[in-house]
Amino acid sequence: MAPELKSAFIGTLSIGLTGSHFLGEGPAGRRRIDELNKGHFRGPRIDAELVAGMDLLLGCRDGALDAPPPANP
């Protein structure tokens, strides 16, 4: 029998998306860069403001999204 998962609500993440750029298909799937505007992470014990940035995503063939490993780990 699997152990019971003990979890608790920590907050809600809200991010503004200003643009998406599709980089094309690769061996592992479709690559995309999303431009992120500022946002917030709020919960019972945290209230944080997020700054603008970018996120590199990989759209896998099974429909899942993944973050590819960094080019220079």
N, C-alpha and C. Protein backbone atom coordinates (compact mmCIF):
# COMPACT_ATOMS: atom_id res chain seq x y z
N MET A 1 0.84 -1.18 0.00
CA MET A 1 0.00 0.00 0.00
C MET A 1 0.89 1.25 0.00
N ALA A 2 0.55 2.22 -0.81
CA ALA A 2 1.33 3.46 -0.91
C ALA A 2 1.15 4.31 0.34
N PRO A 3 2.19 5.02 0.76
CA PRO A 3 2.05 5.90 1.92
C PRO A 3 1.12 7.07 1.61
N GLU A 4 0.45 7.58 2.62
CA GLU A 4 -0.46 8.70 2.45
C GLU A 4 0.32 9.98 2.18
N LEU A 5 -0.12 10.74 1.20
CA LEU A 5 0.50 12.01 0.87
C LEU A 5 -0.02 13.08 1.82
N LYS A 6 0.88 13.69 2.56
CA LYS A 6 0.50 14.77 3.47
C LYS A 6 0.87 16.08 2.79
N SER A 7 -0.11 16.91 2.52
CA SER A 7 0.14 18.16 1.82
C SER A 7 -0.67 19.29 2.45
N ALA A 8 -0.29 20.51 2.12
CA ALA A 8 -0.99 21.69 2.61
C ALA A 8 -0.90 22.78 1.55
N PHE A 9 -1.91 23.62 1.50
CA PHE A 9 -1.94 24.75 0.58
C PHE A 9 -0.86 25.75 1.00
N ILE A 10 0.01 26.16 0.04
CA ILE A 10 1.03 27.15 0.37
C ILE A 10 0.80 28.48 -0.32
N GLY A 11 0.03 28.50 -1.42
CA GLY A 11 -0.22 29.77 -2.06
C GLY A 11 -0.72 29.63 -3.48
N THR A 12 -0.97 30.79 -4.09
CA THR A 12 -1.44 30.88 -5.46
C THR A 12 -0.45 31.72 -6.26
N LEU A 13 -0.07 31.21 -7.43
CA LEU A 13 0.87 31.89 -8.31
C LEU A 13 0.10 32.54 -9.45
N SER A 14 0.37 33.81 -9.69
CA SER A 14 -0.26 34.56 -10.77
C SER A 14 0.85 35.29 -11.54
N ILE A 15 0.97 34.99 -12.84
CA ILE A 15 2.02 35.59 -13.67
C ILE A 15 1.41 36.11 -14.96
N GLY A 16 1.82 37.30 -15.38
CA GLY A 16 1.39 37.85 -16.65
C GLY A 16 2.30 37.37 -17.77
N LEU A 17 1.72 36.90 -18.86
CA LEU A 17 2.47 36.43 -20.02
C LEU A 17 2.39 37.50 -21.09
N THR A 18 3.54 38.02 -21.54
CA THR A 18 3.54 39.10 -22.53
C THR A 18 3.80 38.60 -23.95
N GLY A 19 4.27 37.37 -24.09
CA GLY A 19 4.50 36.84 -25.43
C GLY A 19 5.07 35.44 -25.39
N SER A 20 4.86 34.70 -26.48
CA SER A 20 5.42 33.35 -26.64
C SER A 20 6.12 33.29 -27.99
N HIS A 21 7.28 32.68 -28.01
CA HIS A 21 8.06 32.54 -29.24
C HIS A 21 8.34 31.05 -29.45
N PHE A 22 7.81 30.50 -30.55
CA PHE A 22 8.02 29.10 -30.85
C PHE A 22 9.31 28.94 -31.64
N LEU A 23 10.19 28.07 -31.14
CA LEU A 23 11.51 27.90 -31.74
C LEU A 23 11.57 26.72 -32.70
N GLY A 24 10.51 25.94 -32.79
CA GLY A 24 10.47 24.83 -33.73
C GLY A 24 10.59 23.47 -33.06
N GLU A 25 10.49 22.46 -33.89
CA GLU A 25 10.55 21.07 -33.43
C GLU A 25 12.00 20.63 -33.25
N GLY A 26 12.23 19.81 -32.25
CA GLY A 26 13.53 19.20 -32.02
C GLY A 26 13.33 17.72 -31.74
N PRO A 27 14.39 16.99 -31.50
CA PRO A 27 14.28 15.55 -31.25
C PRO A 27 13.39 15.21 -30.04
N ALA A 28 13.37 16.10 -29.04
CA ALA A 28 12.61 15.82 -27.82
C ALA A 28 11.21 16.45 -27.84
N GLY A 29 10.92 17.31 -28.83
CA GLY A 29 9.61 17.95 -28.89
C GLY A 29 9.71 19.39 -29.37
N ARG A 30 8.67 20.17 -29.12
CA ARG A 30 8.58 21.56 -29.58
C ARG A 30 9.10 22.51 -28.51
N ARG A 31 10.05 23.37 -28.86
CA ARG A 31 10.64 24.32 -27.91
C ARG A 31 9.95 25.68 -28.02
N ARG A 32 9.78 26.32 -26.86
CA ARG A 32 9.10 27.61 -26.80
C ARG A 32 9.69 28.45 -25.67
N ILE A 33 9.80 29.75 -25.92
CA ILE A 33 10.21 30.70 -24.88
C ILE A 33 9.01 31.59 -24.58
N ASP A 34 8.66 31.69 -23.30
CA ASP A 34 7.58 32.57 -22.86
C ASP A 34 8.17 33.78 -22.16
N GLU A 35 7.72 34.98 -22.55
CA GLU A 35 8.12 36.22 -21.88
C GLU A 35 7.13 36.46 -20.73
N LEU A 36 7.66 36.59 -19.53
CA LEU A 36 6.84 36.74 -18.34
C LEU A 36 6.90 38.16 -17.82
N ASN A 37 5.73 38.73 -17.56
CA ASN A 37 5.62 40.04 -16.94
C ASN A 37 5.63 39.81 -15.43
N LYS A 38 5.59 40.87 -14.65
CA LYS A 38 5.61 40.67 -13.21
C LYS A 38 4.36 39.93 -12.74
N GLY A 39 4.45 39.34 -11.56
CA GLY A 39 3.34 38.60 -11.00
C GLY A 39 3.44 38.54 -9.48
N HIS A 40 2.62 37.66 -8.89
CA HIS A 40 2.60 37.52 -7.43
C HIS A 40 2.49 36.06 -7.03
N PHE A 41 3.03 35.75 -5.87
CA PHE A 41 2.80 34.47 -5.21
C PHE A 41 2.29 34.80 -3.82
N ARG A 42 1.03 34.43 -3.54
CA ARG A 42 0.41 34.80 -2.27
C ARG A 42 -0.17 33.57 -1.59
N GLY A 43 0.03 33.53 -0.28
CA GLY A 43 -0.51 32.46 0.52
C GLY A 43 -0.61 32.88 1.97
N PRO A 44 -0.99 31.92 2.85
CA PRO A 44 -1.17 32.24 4.25
C PRO A 44 0.10 32.77 4.93
N ARG A 45 1.27 32.33 4.46
CA ARG A 45 2.52 32.73 5.12
C ARG A 45 3.50 33.44 4.20
N ILE A 46 3.05 33.80 2.98
CA ILE A 46 3.95 34.45 2.04
C ILE A 46 3.17 35.43 1.16
N ASP A 47 3.83 36.53 0.81
CA ASP A 47 3.30 37.51 -0.14
C ASP A 47 4.49 38.04 -0.91
N ALA A 48 4.74 37.47 -2.09
CA ALA A 48 5.94 37.80 -2.85
C ALA A 48 5.58 38.37 -4.21
N GLU A 49 6.37 39.35 -4.66
CA GLU A 49 6.22 39.92 -5.99
C GLU A 49 7.27 39.31 -6.89
N LEU A 50 6.88 38.93 -8.10
CA LEU A 50 7.80 38.34 -9.06
C LEU A 50 8.19 39.39 -10.09
N VAL A 51 9.44 39.38 -10.51
CA VAL A 51 9.92 40.32 -11.53
C VAL A 51 9.79 39.68 -12.90
N ALA A 52 9.93 40.48 -13.94
CA ALA A 52 9.83 39.99 -15.31
C ALA A 52 10.98 39.04 -15.62
N GLY A 53 10.76 38.15 -16.58
CA GLY A 53 11.80 37.20 -16.97
C GLY A 53 11.35 36.37 -18.16
N MET A 54 12.03 35.26 -18.38
CA MET A 54 11.70 34.35 -19.47
C MET A 54 11.73 32.92 -18.96
N ASP A 55 10.99 32.05 -19.65
CA ASP A 55 10.94 30.65 -19.30
C ASP A 55 11.04 29.84 -20.58
N LEU A 56 11.97 28.90 -20.62
CA LEU A 56 12.14 28.02 -21.77
C LEU A 56 11.37 26.73 -21.49
N LEU A 57 10.43 26.38 -22.37
CA LEU A 57 9.61 25.19 -22.19
C LEU A 57 9.80 24.23 -23.34
N LEU A 58 9.60 22.97 -23.05
CA LEU A 58 9.67 21.92 -24.06
C LEU A 58 8.32 21.22 -24.07
N GLY A 59 7.62 21.28 -25.21
CA GLY A 59 6.35 20.57 -25.37
C GLY A 59 6.63 19.16 -25.84
N CYS A 60 6.46 18.20 -24.94
CA CYS A 60 6.77 16.79 -25.24
C CYS A 60 5.70 16.19 -26.15
N ARG A 61 6.05 15.11 -26.79
CA ARG A 61 5.15 14.46 -27.74
C ARG A 61 3.88 13.92 -27.07
N ASP A 62 3.93 13.66 -25.76
CA ASP A 62 2.76 13.15 -25.05
C ASP A 62 1.84 14.27 -24.56
N GLY A 63 2.17 15.54 -24.88
CA GLY A 63 1.35 16.67 -24.49
C GLY A 63 1.79 17.36 -23.21
N ALA A 64 2.73 16.77 -22.47
CA ALA A 64 3.24 17.37 -21.24
C ALA A 64 4.21 18.49 -21.56
N LEU A 65 4.35 19.43 -20.62
CA LEU A 65 5.36 20.50 -20.74
C LEU A 65 6.50 20.19 -19.79
N ASP A 66 7.70 20.44 -20.22
CA ASP A 66 8.89 20.17 -19.42
C ASP A 66 9.85 21.35 -19.55
N ALA A 67 10.66 21.56 -18.54
CA ALA A 67 11.72 22.56 -18.59
C ALA A 67 13.01 21.83 -18.96
N PRO A 68 13.59 22.14 -20.11
CA PRO A 68 14.82 21.44 -20.50
C PRO A 68 15.97 21.79 -19.56
N PRO A 69 16.93 20.89 -19.45
CA PRO A 69 18.08 21.19 -18.57
C PRO A 69 18.88 22.36 -19.11
N PRO A 70 19.59 23.09 -18.23
CA PRO A 70 20.40 24.22 -18.69
C PRO A 70 21.50 23.76 -19.65
N ALA A 71 21.88 24.65 -20.55
CA ALA A 71 22.92 24.31 -21.53
C ALA A 71 24.27 24.09 -20.87
N ASN A 72 24.56 24.85 -19.83
CA ASN A 72 25.84 24.73 -19.11
C ASN A 72 25.58 24.47 -17.63
N PRO A 73 25.32 23.20 -17.27
CA PRO A 73 25.00 22.92 -15.86
C PRO A 73 26.13 23.21 -14.90
